[in-house]
């Protein structure tokens, strides 16, 4: 009887392993990624063929939110850019060397890879944000984030530019 139970348990585990053949979707942190810690798995949202356009040290300043815009892309073509005043990201950001940061006084971590700036604000309930970097210099930082539908399938602009895609551009100035 013990042999039968052991054999039955082993077969059940084997079937479970085959049933979970897409383990990367269920546990993305188990997938090998060049991104550290909680940033692992964000490659789905990024163009991983991009290289960094800026040096990571360029971010290491104190930044203050200045303005926001929305870009509307239809079937791969930019149709509209408009200023908006009802979208507010973190109003202040401060990046330090070594991957530490603060956002409105809350501590966190940051990483720059594939020309995307990723931030993990530890005191915000576990929120992770990722932005494509349009510009960073001594006085200005412009971050670009695609808006994704809630509750539906996510198809990024990079994956399929067909249809309508919205991007938020956040401009920060050096404090």
N, C-alpha and C. Protein backbone atom coordinates (compact mmCIF):
# COMPACT_ATOMS: atom_id res chain seq x y z
N UNK A 1 0.82 -1.19 0.00
CA UNK A 1 0.00 0.00 0.00
C UNK A 1 0.87 1.26 0.00
N UNK A 2 1.98 1.24 0.77
CA UNK A 2 2.86 2.39 0.81
C UNK A 2 3.50 2.63 -0.56
N UNK A 3 3.84 1.55 -1.27
CA UNK A 3 4.42 1.68 -2.61
C UNK A 3 3.42 2.34 -3.56
N UNK A 4 2.17 1.89 -3.47
CA UNK A 4 1.13 2.44 -4.33
C UNK A 4 0.96 3.94 -4.07
N UNK A 5 0.93 4.33 -2.80
CA UNK A 5 0.77 5.74 -2.43
C UNK A 5 1.96 6.55 -2.93
N UNK A 6 3.15 6.02 -2.80
CA UNK A 6 4.36 6.71 -3.25
C UNK A 6 4.35 6.85 -4.78
N UNK A 7 3.97 5.78 -5.47
CA UNK A 7 3.89 5.81 -6.93
C UNK A 7 2.82 6.79 -7.39
N UNK A 8 1.67 6.78 -6.74
CA UNK A 8 0.58 7.68 -7.08
C UNK A 8 1.02 9.14 -6.89
N UNK A 9 1.68 9.44 -5.78
CA UNK A 9 2.16 10.79 -5.48
C UNK A 9 3.18 11.24 -6.52
N UNK A 10 4.11 10.35 -6.89
CA UNK A 10 5.12 10.68 -7.90
C UNK A 10 4.49 10.98 -9.25
N UNK A 11 3.49 10.16 -9.64
CA UNK A 11 2.80 10.40 -10.91
C UNK A 11 2.04 11.72 -10.88
N UNK A 12 1.44 12.03 -9.75
CA UNK A 12 0.70 13.29 -9.63
C UNK A 12 1.64 14.49 -9.78
N UNK A 13 2.81 14.41 -9.17
CA UNK A 13 3.80 15.49 -9.30
C UNK A 13 4.27 15.63 -10.74
N UNK A 14 4.49 14.50 -11.42
CA UNK A 14 4.92 14.52 -12.80
C UNK A 14 3.86 15.15 -13.69
N UNK A 15 2.61 14.79 -13.49
CA UNK A 15 1.51 15.38 -14.27
C UNK A 15 1.38 16.87 -13.98
N UNK A 16 1.56 17.25 -12.74
CA UNK A 16 1.51 18.66 -12.39
C UNK A 16 2.60 19.44 -13.10
N UNK A 17 3.79 18.86 -13.19
CA UNK A 17 4.90 19.53 -13.87
C UNK A 17 4.58 19.73 -15.35
N UNK A 18 3.97 18.73 -16.00
CA UNK A 18 3.60 18.88 -17.40
C UNK A 18 2.46 19.89 -17.57
N UNK A 19 1.55 19.92 -16.63
CA UNK A 19 0.43 20.86 -16.71
C UNK A 19 0.90 22.29 -16.55
N UNK A 20 1.98 22.49 -15.84
CA UNK A 20 2.50 23.84 -15.61
C UNK A 20 3.68 24.11 -16.52
N UNK A 21 3.57 23.75 -17.78
CA UNK A 21 4.70 23.92 -18.69
C UNK A 21 5.01 25.37 -18.95
N UNK A 22 4.10 26.29 -18.65
CA UNK A 22 4.39 27.71 -18.84
C UNK A 22 4.68 28.36 -17.49
N UNK A 23 5.61 27.82 -16.78
CA UNK A 23 5.95 28.28 -15.43
C UNK A 23 6.43 29.73 -15.43
N UNK A 24 6.99 30.20 -16.57
CA UNK A 24 7.48 31.57 -16.65
C UNK A 24 6.34 32.57 -16.45
N UNK A 25 5.14 32.24 -16.89
CA UNK A 25 4.02 33.15 -16.74
C UNK A 25 3.54 33.18 -15.30
N UNK A 26 3.60 32.05 -14.64
CA UNK A 26 3.10 31.97 -13.27
C UNK A 26 4.11 32.55 -12.28
N UNK A 27 5.38 32.22 -12.46
CA UNK A 27 6.44 32.69 -11.57
C UNK A 27 7.52 33.37 -12.39
N UNK A 28 7.30 34.63 -12.85
CA UNK A 28 8.28 35.27 -13.72
C UNK A 28 9.63 35.49 -13.03
N UNK A 29 9.65 35.52 -11.68
CA UNK A 29 10.94 35.74 -11.02
C UNK A 29 11.88 34.54 -11.15
N UNK A 30 11.36 33.39 -11.59
CA UNK A 30 12.23 32.23 -11.77
C UNK A 30 12.93 32.25 -13.12
N UNK A 31 12.53 33.16 -14.01
CA UNK A 31 13.11 33.25 -15.33
C UNK A 31 14.43 34.01 -15.23
N UNK A 32 15.43 33.54 -15.93
CA UNK A 32 16.72 34.22 -15.93
C UNK A 32 16.55 35.61 -16.56
N UNK A 33 17.01 36.63 -15.88
CA UNK A 33 16.84 38.00 -16.35
C UNK A 33 18.07 38.82 -15.97
N UNK A 34 18.46 39.75 -16.85
CA UNK A 34 19.56 40.64 -16.48
C UNK A 34 19.11 41.72 -15.51
N UNK A 35 17.81 41.80 -15.25
CA UNK A 35 17.30 42.80 -14.33
C UNK A 35 17.31 42.25 -12.91
N UNK A 36 17.76 43.06 -11.96
CA UNK A 36 17.88 42.57 -10.59
C UNK A 36 16.57 42.55 -9.82
N UNK A 37 16.46 41.63 -8.88
CA UNK A 37 15.38 41.58 -7.91
C UNK A 37 13.99 41.67 -8.50
N UNK A 38 13.21 42.60 -7.95
CA UNK A 38 11.81 42.72 -8.35
C UNK A 38 11.64 43.28 -9.76
N UNK A 39 12.71 43.77 -10.39
CA UNK A 39 12.61 44.27 -11.76
C UNK A 39 12.64 43.12 -12.78
N UNK A 40 13.05 41.94 -12.34
CA UNK A 40 13.10 40.79 -13.25
C UNK A 40 11.69 40.51 -13.78
N UNK A 41 11.60 40.25 -15.04
CA UNK A 41 10.31 39.96 -15.66
C UNK A 41 9.68 41.15 -16.36
N UNK A 42 10.23 42.36 -16.19
CA UNK A 42 9.67 43.52 -16.85
C UNK A 42 10.01 43.59 -18.34
N UNK A 43 10.86 42.68 -18.81
CA UNK A 43 11.27 42.70 -20.21
C UNK A 43 10.07 42.62 -21.15
N UNK A 44 8.98 42.01 -20.70
CA UNK A 44 7.78 41.91 -21.53
C UNK A 44 7.33 43.28 -22.01
N UNK A 45 7.49 44.31 -21.18
CA UNK A 45 7.02 45.65 -21.50
C UNK A 45 8.06 46.50 -22.22
N UNK A 46 9.27 45.98 -22.39
CA UNK A 46 10.37 46.78 -22.91
C UNK A 46 10.88 46.25 -24.24
N UNK A 47 11.50 47.13 -24.98
CA UNK A 47 12.21 46.73 -26.18
C UNK A 47 13.62 46.35 -25.73
N UNK A 48 13.84 45.07 -25.54
CA UNK A 48 15.11 44.59 -24.98
C UNK A 48 16.25 44.65 -25.99
N UNK A 49 15.96 45.07 -27.23
CA UNK A 49 17.03 45.24 -28.21
C UNK A 49 17.66 46.62 -28.09
N UNK A 50 17.03 47.52 -27.33
CA UNK A 50 17.57 48.87 -27.15
C UNK A 50 18.78 48.83 -26.22
N UNK A 51 19.70 49.70 -26.50
CA UNK A 51 20.80 49.88 -25.55
C UNK A 51 20.57 51.22 -24.84
N UNK A 52 21.23 51.39 -23.73
CA UNK A 52 21.09 52.62 -22.97
C UNK A 52 21.63 53.80 -23.78
N UNK A 53 20.86 54.85 -23.86
CA UNK A 53 21.27 56.05 -24.59
C UNK A 53 22.00 57.05 -23.69
N UNK A 54 21.89 56.84 -22.38
CA UNK A 54 22.44 57.79 -21.43
C UNK A 54 23.27 57.04 -20.39
N UNK A 55 24.15 57.75 -19.72
CA UNK A 55 24.92 57.15 -18.63
C UNK A 55 24.05 57.17 -17.36
N UNK A 56 24.16 56.11 -16.60
CA UNK A 56 23.34 55.99 -15.38
C UNK A 56 23.61 57.14 -14.41
N UNK A 57 24.83 57.66 -14.38
CA UNK A 57 25.15 58.77 -13.48
C UNK A 57 24.34 60.03 -13.79
N UNK A 58 23.84 60.16 -15.02
CA UNK A 58 23.06 61.35 -15.39
C UNK A 58 21.77 61.46 -14.59
N UNK A 59 21.27 60.36 -14.06
CA UNK A 59 20.03 60.37 -13.28
C UNK A 59 20.27 60.81 -11.85
N UNK A 60 21.49 60.71 -11.37
CA UNK A 60 21.82 60.92 -9.96
C UNK A 60 21.75 62.39 -9.56
N UNK A 61 20.53 62.85 -9.45
CA UNK A 61 20.24 64.23 -9.08
C UNK A 61 18.89 64.24 -8.35
N UNK A 62 18.51 65.42 -7.89
CA UNK A 62 17.18 65.63 -7.32
C UNK A 62 16.31 66.25 -8.41
N UNK A 63 15.14 65.66 -8.64
CA UNK A 63 14.26 66.08 -9.72
C UNK A 63 12.90 66.49 -9.17
N UNK A 64 12.29 67.48 -9.84
CA UNK A 64 10.97 67.96 -9.46
C UNK A 64 10.06 67.90 -10.70
N UNK A 65 8.85 67.36 -10.53
CA UNK A 65 7.90 67.25 -11.63
C UNK A 65 7.56 68.63 -12.16
N UNK A 66 7.53 68.74 -13.51
CA UNK A 66 7.26 70.01 -14.15
C UNK A 66 5.97 69.98 -14.98
N UNK A 67 5.82 68.96 -15.84
CA UNK A 67 4.64 68.92 -16.71
C UNK A 67 4.40 67.51 -17.24
N UNK A 68 3.19 67.32 -17.80
CA UNK A 68 2.85 66.02 -18.38
C UNK A 68 2.17 66.25 -19.73
N UNK A 69 2.42 65.32 -20.63
CA UNK A 69 1.78 65.33 -21.94
C UNK A 69 1.29 63.92 -22.25
N UNK A 70 0.36 63.84 -23.19
CA UNK A 70 -0.12 62.55 -23.68
C UNK A 70 0.15 62.50 -25.18
N UNK A 71 0.75 61.40 -25.62
CA UNK A 71 0.90 61.14 -27.05
C UNK A 71 -0.15 60.11 -27.44
N UNK A 72 -0.81 60.33 -28.57
CA UNK A 72 -1.79 59.38 -29.09
C UNK A 72 -1.24 58.84 -30.41
N UNK A 73 -1.05 57.53 -30.46
CA UNK A 73 -0.55 56.85 -31.65
C UNK A 73 -1.68 55.99 -32.21
N UNK A 74 -1.93 56.11 -33.51
CA UNK A 74 -2.95 55.31 -34.17
C UNK A 74 -2.29 54.57 -35.32
N UNK A 75 -2.37 53.25 -35.29
CA UNK A 75 -1.78 52.39 -36.31
C UNK A 75 -0.32 52.74 -36.61
N UNK A 76 0.43 52.96 -35.53
CA UNK A 76 1.86 53.18 -35.65
C UNK A 76 2.28 54.59 -36.00
N UNK A 77 1.33 55.53 -36.09
CA UNK A 77 1.66 56.91 -36.45
C UNK A 77 1.21 57.85 -35.35
N UNK A 78 2.08 58.80 -35.02
CA UNK A 78 1.76 59.79 -34.00
C UNK A 78 0.68 60.72 -34.54
N UNK A 79 -0.46 60.77 -33.85
CA UNK A 79 -1.59 61.59 -34.29
C UNK A 79 -1.75 62.86 -33.48
N UNK A 80 -1.35 62.83 -32.20
CA UNK A 80 -1.62 63.98 -31.36
C UNK A 80 -0.68 63.98 -30.15
N UNK A 81 -0.27 65.18 -29.76
CA UNK A 81 0.43 65.41 -28.49
C UNK A 81 -0.30 66.55 -27.81
N UNK A 82 -0.70 66.32 -26.56
CA UNK A 82 -1.41 67.38 -25.84
C UNK A 82 -0.93 67.45 -24.40
N UNK A 83 -0.93 68.66 -23.87
CA UNK A 83 -0.61 68.87 -22.46
C UNK A 83 -1.78 68.40 -21.62
N UNK A 84 -1.49 67.82 -20.48
CA UNK A 84 -2.53 67.39 -19.55
C UNK A 84 -2.19 67.90 -18.16
N UNK A 85 -3.21 68.17 -17.38
CA UNK A 85 -2.97 68.65 -16.02
C UNK A 85 -3.67 67.79 -14.97
N UNK A 86 -4.11 66.59 -15.38
CA UNK A 86 -4.79 65.71 -14.42
C UNK A 86 -4.04 64.40 -14.19
N UNK A 87 -2.80 64.34 -14.62
CA UNK A 87 -1.97 63.15 -14.42
C UNK A 87 -0.76 63.57 -13.60
N UNK A 88 -0.59 62.94 -12.44
CA UNK A 88 0.50 63.33 -11.57
C UNK A 88 1.32 62.11 -11.16
N UNK A 89 2.53 62.02 -11.67
CA UNK A 89 3.43 60.97 -11.17
C UNK A 89 4.01 61.45 -9.84
N UNK A 90 5.07 60.81 -9.39
CA UNK A 90 5.74 61.31 -8.19
C UNK A 90 6.21 62.73 -8.45
N UNK A 91 5.92 63.63 -7.51
CA UNK A 91 6.25 65.03 -7.71
C UNK A 91 7.72 65.32 -7.49
N UNK A 92 8.38 64.48 -6.71
CA UNK A 92 9.82 64.65 -6.53
C UNK A 92 10.50 63.29 -6.57
N UNK A 93 11.63 63.25 -7.22
CA UNK A 93 12.45 62.04 -7.31
C UNK A 93 13.89 62.41 -7.02
N UNK A 94 14.58 61.52 -6.35
CA UNK A 94 15.99 61.72 -6.08
C UNK A 94 16.70 60.38 -6.27
N UNK A 95 17.64 60.35 -7.20
CA UNK A 95 18.38 59.12 -7.50
C UNK A 95 19.81 59.25 -7.00
N UNK A 96 20.28 58.21 -6.30
CA UNK A 96 21.65 58.19 -5.81
C UNK A 96 22.40 57.04 -6.49
N UNK A 97 23.71 57.15 -6.51
CA UNK A 97 24.53 56.06 -7.03
C UNK A 97 24.32 54.83 -6.16
N UNK A 98 24.47 53.67 -6.75
CA UNK A 98 24.26 52.44 -6.00
C UNK A 98 22.83 51.94 -6.06
N UNK A 99 21.96 52.62 -6.82
CA UNK A 99 20.60 52.14 -7.01
C UNK A 99 19.60 52.53 -5.95
N UNK A 100 19.94 53.45 -5.06
CA UNK A 100 18.99 53.91 -4.05
C UNK A 100 18.30 55.18 -4.52
N UNK A 101 17.07 55.37 -4.08
CA UNK A 101 16.31 56.54 -4.49
C UNK A 101 15.28 56.91 -3.44
N UNK A 102 14.71 58.11 -3.59
CA UNK A 102 13.54 58.50 -2.82
C UNK A 102 12.53 59.10 -3.79
N UNK A 103 11.27 58.88 -3.51
CA UNK A 103 10.17 59.45 -4.29
C UNK A 103 9.19 60.04 -3.30
N UNK A 104 9.10 61.37 -3.29
CA UNK A 104 8.25 62.08 -2.34
C UNK A 104 8.53 61.63 -0.91
N UNK A 105 9.77 61.46 -0.58
CA UNK A 105 10.17 61.09 0.76
C UNK A 105 10.16 59.60 1.07
N UNK A 106 9.65 58.77 0.15
CA UNK A 106 9.63 57.32 0.36
C UNK A 106 10.87 56.71 -0.28
N UNK A 107 11.49 55.77 0.41
CA UNK A 107 12.71 55.16 -0.09
C UNK A 107 12.40 54.11 -1.14
N UNK A 108 13.39 53.80 -1.94
CA UNK A 108 13.22 52.80 -2.97
C UNK A 108 14.52 52.47 -3.67
N UNK A 109 14.38 51.74 -4.77
CA UNK A 109 15.53 51.33 -5.57
C UNK A 109 15.25 51.71 -7.02
N UNK A 110 16.32 51.90 -7.78
CA UNK A 110 16.16 52.19 -9.19
C UNK A 110 17.21 51.42 -9.99
N UNK A 111 16.91 51.24 -11.28
CA UNK A 111 17.82 50.54 -12.19
C UNK A 111 17.57 51.06 -13.60
N UNK A 112 18.63 51.19 -14.37
CA UNK A 112 18.54 51.68 -15.75
C UNK A 112 19.07 50.60 -16.68
N UNK A 113 18.22 50.11 -17.58
CA UNK A 113 18.60 49.04 -18.51
C UNK A 113 17.67 49.10 -19.72
N UNK A 114 18.19 48.77 -20.91
CA UNK A 114 17.42 48.80 -22.17
C UNK A 114 16.84 50.19 -22.44
N UNK A 115 17.47 51.22 -21.93
CA UNK A 115 17.00 52.61 -22.00
C UNK A 115 15.68 52.81 -21.26
N UNK A 116 15.44 51.98 -20.26
CA UNK A 116 14.27 52.12 -19.38
C UNK A 116 14.76 52.39 -17.96
N UNK A 117 14.12 53.34 -17.32
CA UNK A 117 14.36 53.63 -15.92
C UNK A 117 13.28 52.93 -15.12
N UNK A 118 13.69 52.04 -14.23
CA UNK A 118 12.76 51.29 -13.40
C UNK A 118 12.91 51.74 -11.96
N UNK A 119 11.78 51.97 -11.29
CA UNK A 119 11.84 52.37 -9.89
C UNK A 119 10.90 51.47 -9.08
N UNK A 120 11.36 51.15 -7.89
CA UNK A 120 10.60 50.33 -6.94
C UNK A 120 10.51 51.15 -5.66
N UNK A 121 9.36 51.74 -5.44
CA UNK A 121 9.16 52.58 -4.26
C UNK A 121 8.66 51.66 -3.15
N UNK A 122 9.54 51.39 -2.21
CA UNK A 122 9.30 50.36 -1.20
C UNK A 122 8.14 50.67 -0.27
N UNK A 123 7.88 51.94 0.01
CA UNK A 123 6.83 52.30 0.97
C UNK A 123 5.49 52.58 0.30
N UNK A 124 5.35 52.24 -0.97
CA UNK A 124 4.11 52.59 -1.69
C UNK A 124 3.21 51.38 -1.91
N UNK A 125 3.37 50.37 -1.12
CA UNK A 125 2.56 49.18 -1.29
C UNK A 125 3.12 48.22 -2.33
N UNK A 126 4.39 48.34 -2.62
CA UNK A 126 5.03 47.41 -3.55
C UNK A 126 4.95 47.82 -5.00
N UNK A 127 4.76 49.10 -5.28
CA UNK A 127 4.62 49.57 -6.66
C UNK A 127 5.97 49.59 -7.39
N UNK A 128 5.95 49.08 -8.61
CA UNK A 128 7.12 49.14 -9.49
C UNK A 128 6.69 49.89 -10.75
N UNK A 129 7.51 50.83 -11.17
CA UNK A 129 7.22 51.63 -12.36
C UNK A 129 8.38 51.50 -13.33
N UNK A 130 8.08 51.61 -14.63
CA UNK A 130 9.13 51.58 -15.64
C UNK A 130 8.80 52.63 -16.69
N UNK A 131 9.84 53.35 -17.09
CA UNK A 131 9.69 54.46 -18.03
C UNK A 131 10.80 54.38 -19.06
N UNK A 132 10.44 54.58 -20.31
CA UNK A 132 11.47 54.74 -21.33
C UNK A 132 12.02 56.15 -21.16
N UNK A 133 13.33 56.29 -21.29
CA UNK A 133 13.95 57.59 -21.08
C UNK A 133 14.07 58.31 -22.42
N UNK A 134 13.36 59.42 -22.56
CA UNK A 134 13.46 60.23 -23.78
C UNK A 134 14.65 61.18 -23.72
N UNK A 135 14.90 61.72 -22.52
CA UNK A 135 15.98 62.69 -22.39
C UNK A 135 16.41 62.78 -20.94
N UNK A 136 17.69 62.91 -20.73
CA UNK A 136 18.21 63.25 -19.41
C UNK A 136 19.51 64.02 -19.63
N UNK A 137 19.57 65.18 -18.99
CA UNK A 137 20.80 65.97 -19.02
C UNK A 137 20.91 66.67 -17.67
N UNK A 138 21.75 67.65 -17.57
CA UNK A 138 21.96 68.32 -16.29
C UNK A 138 20.76 69.04 -15.73
N UNK A 139 19.78 69.40 -16.58
CA UNK A 139 18.66 70.19 -16.10
C UNK A 139 17.28 69.58 -16.36
N UNK A 140 17.18 68.56 -17.22
CA UNK A 140 15.86 68.04 -17.58
C UNK A 140 15.88 66.52 -17.70
N UNK A 141 14.78 65.92 -17.25
CA UNK A 141 14.56 64.47 -17.35
C UNK A 141 13.16 64.28 -17.93
N UNK A 142 13.07 63.56 -19.07
CA UNK A 142 11.78 63.27 -19.68
C UNK A 142 11.59 61.76 -19.73
N UNK A 143 10.53 61.29 -19.07
CA UNK A 143 10.21 59.87 -18.99
C UNK A 143 8.94 59.59 -19.77
N UNK A 144 8.90 58.45 -20.44
CA UNK A 144 7.77 58.09 -21.30
C UNK A 144 7.22 56.74 -20.84
N UNK A 145 5.91 56.68 -20.61
CA UNK A 145 5.28 55.45 -20.14
C UNK A 145 4.05 55.15 -20.98
N UNK A 146 3.95 53.91 -21.45
CA UNK A 146 2.77 53.50 -22.21
C UNK A 146 1.64 53.19 -21.23
N UNK A 147 0.43 53.57 -21.62
CA UNK A 147 -0.75 53.26 -20.81
C UNK A 147 -1.31 51.93 -21.29
N UNK A 148 -1.62 51.05 -20.34
CA UNK A 148 -2.14 49.72 -20.68
C UNK A 148 -3.57 49.58 -20.20
N UNK A 149 -4.39 48.80 -20.92
CA UNK A 149 -5.78 48.61 -20.50
C UNK A 149 -5.86 47.82 -19.20
N UNK A 150 -6.87 48.11 -18.41
CA UNK A 150 -7.08 47.39 -17.16
C UNK A 150 -8.01 46.22 -17.43
N UNK A 151 -7.58 45.04 -17.03
CA UNK A 151 -8.44 43.87 -17.12
C UNK A 151 -8.45 43.15 -18.46
N UNK A 152 -7.77 43.67 -19.43
CA UNK A 152 -7.74 43.01 -20.73
C UNK A 152 -6.35 42.53 -21.08
N UNK A 153 -6.20 41.94 -22.24
CA UNK A 153 -4.86 41.51 -22.65
C UNK A 153 -3.98 42.73 -22.91
N UNK A 154 -2.73 42.62 -22.55
CA UNK A 154 -1.78 43.71 -22.75
C UNK A 154 -0.99 43.42 -24.02
N UNK A 155 -1.11 44.33 -24.98
CA UNK A 155 -0.33 44.27 -26.20
C UNK A 155 0.40 45.59 -26.30
N UNK A 156 1.70 45.57 -26.13
CA UNK A 156 2.47 46.80 -26.14
C UNK A 156 2.60 47.35 -27.56
N UNK A 157 2.90 48.61 -27.66
CA UNK A 157 3.13 49.26 -28.95
C UNK A 157 4.23 48.54 -29.71
N UNK A 158 5.26 48.14 -28.98
CA UNK A 158 6.39 47.43 -29.58
C UNK A 158 5.94 46.10 -30.18
N UNK A 159 5.04 45.41 -29.51
CA UNK A 159 4.57 44.12 -30.00
C UNK A 159 3.65 44.26 -31.21
N UNK A 160 2.78 45.28 -31.19
CA UNK A 160 1.87 45.49 -32.31
C UNK A 160 1.41 46.95 -32.29
N UNK A 161 1.94 47.77 -33.19
CA UNK A 161 1.56 49.19 -33.20
C UNK A 161 0.16 49.47 -33.74
N UNK A 162 -0.53 48.45 -34.24
CA UNK A 162 -1.89 48.65 -34.76
C UNK A 162 -2.83 49.07 -33.64
N UNK A 163 -3.85 49.80 -34.01
CA UNK A 163 -4.82 50.27 -33.03
C UNK A 163 -4.35 51.58 -32.41
N UNK A 164 -4.96 51.93 -31.29
CA UNK A 164 -4.64 53.18 -30.61
C UNK A 164 -3.83 52.89 -29.35
N UNK A 165 -2.73 53.62 -29.21
CA UNK A 165 -1.85 53.48 -28.04
C UNK A 165 -1.63 54.88 -27.45
N UNK A 166 -1.61 54.94 -26.13
CA UNK A 166 -1.40 56.19 -25.43
C UNK A 166 -0.11 56.12 -24.63
N UNK A 167 0.64 57.21 -24.66
CA UNK A 167 1.87 57.32 -23.89
C UNK A 167 1.81 58.61 -23.07
N UNK A 168 2.28 58.53 -21.83
CA UNK A 168 2.41 59.70 -20.97
C UNK A 168 3.87 60.12 -20.98
N UNK A 169 4.11 61.39 -21.16
CA UNK A 169 5.45 61.96 -21.07
C UNK A 169 5.49 62.82 -19.83
N UNK A 170 6.42 62.51 -18.92
CA UNK A 170 6.57 63.26 -17.68
C UNK A 170 7.88 64.01 -17.74
N UNK A 171 7.81 65.32 -17.58
CA UNK A 171 9.01 66.16 -17.60
C UNK A 171 9.35 66.56 -16.18
N UNK A 172 10.59 66.33 -15.83
CA UNK A 172 11.13 66.73 -14.53
C UNK A 172 12.25 67.72 -14.77
N UNK A 173 12.42 68.65 -13.85
CA UNK A 173 13.52 69.60 -13.90
C UNK A 173 14.37 69.42 -12.66
N UNK A 174 15.63 69.75 -12.78
CA UNK A 174 16.55 69.60 -11.65
C UNK A 174 16.20 70.61 -10.57
N UNK A 175 16.19 70.13 -9.34
CA UNK A 175 15.91 71.02 -8.19
C UNK A 175 17.10 71.94 -7.96
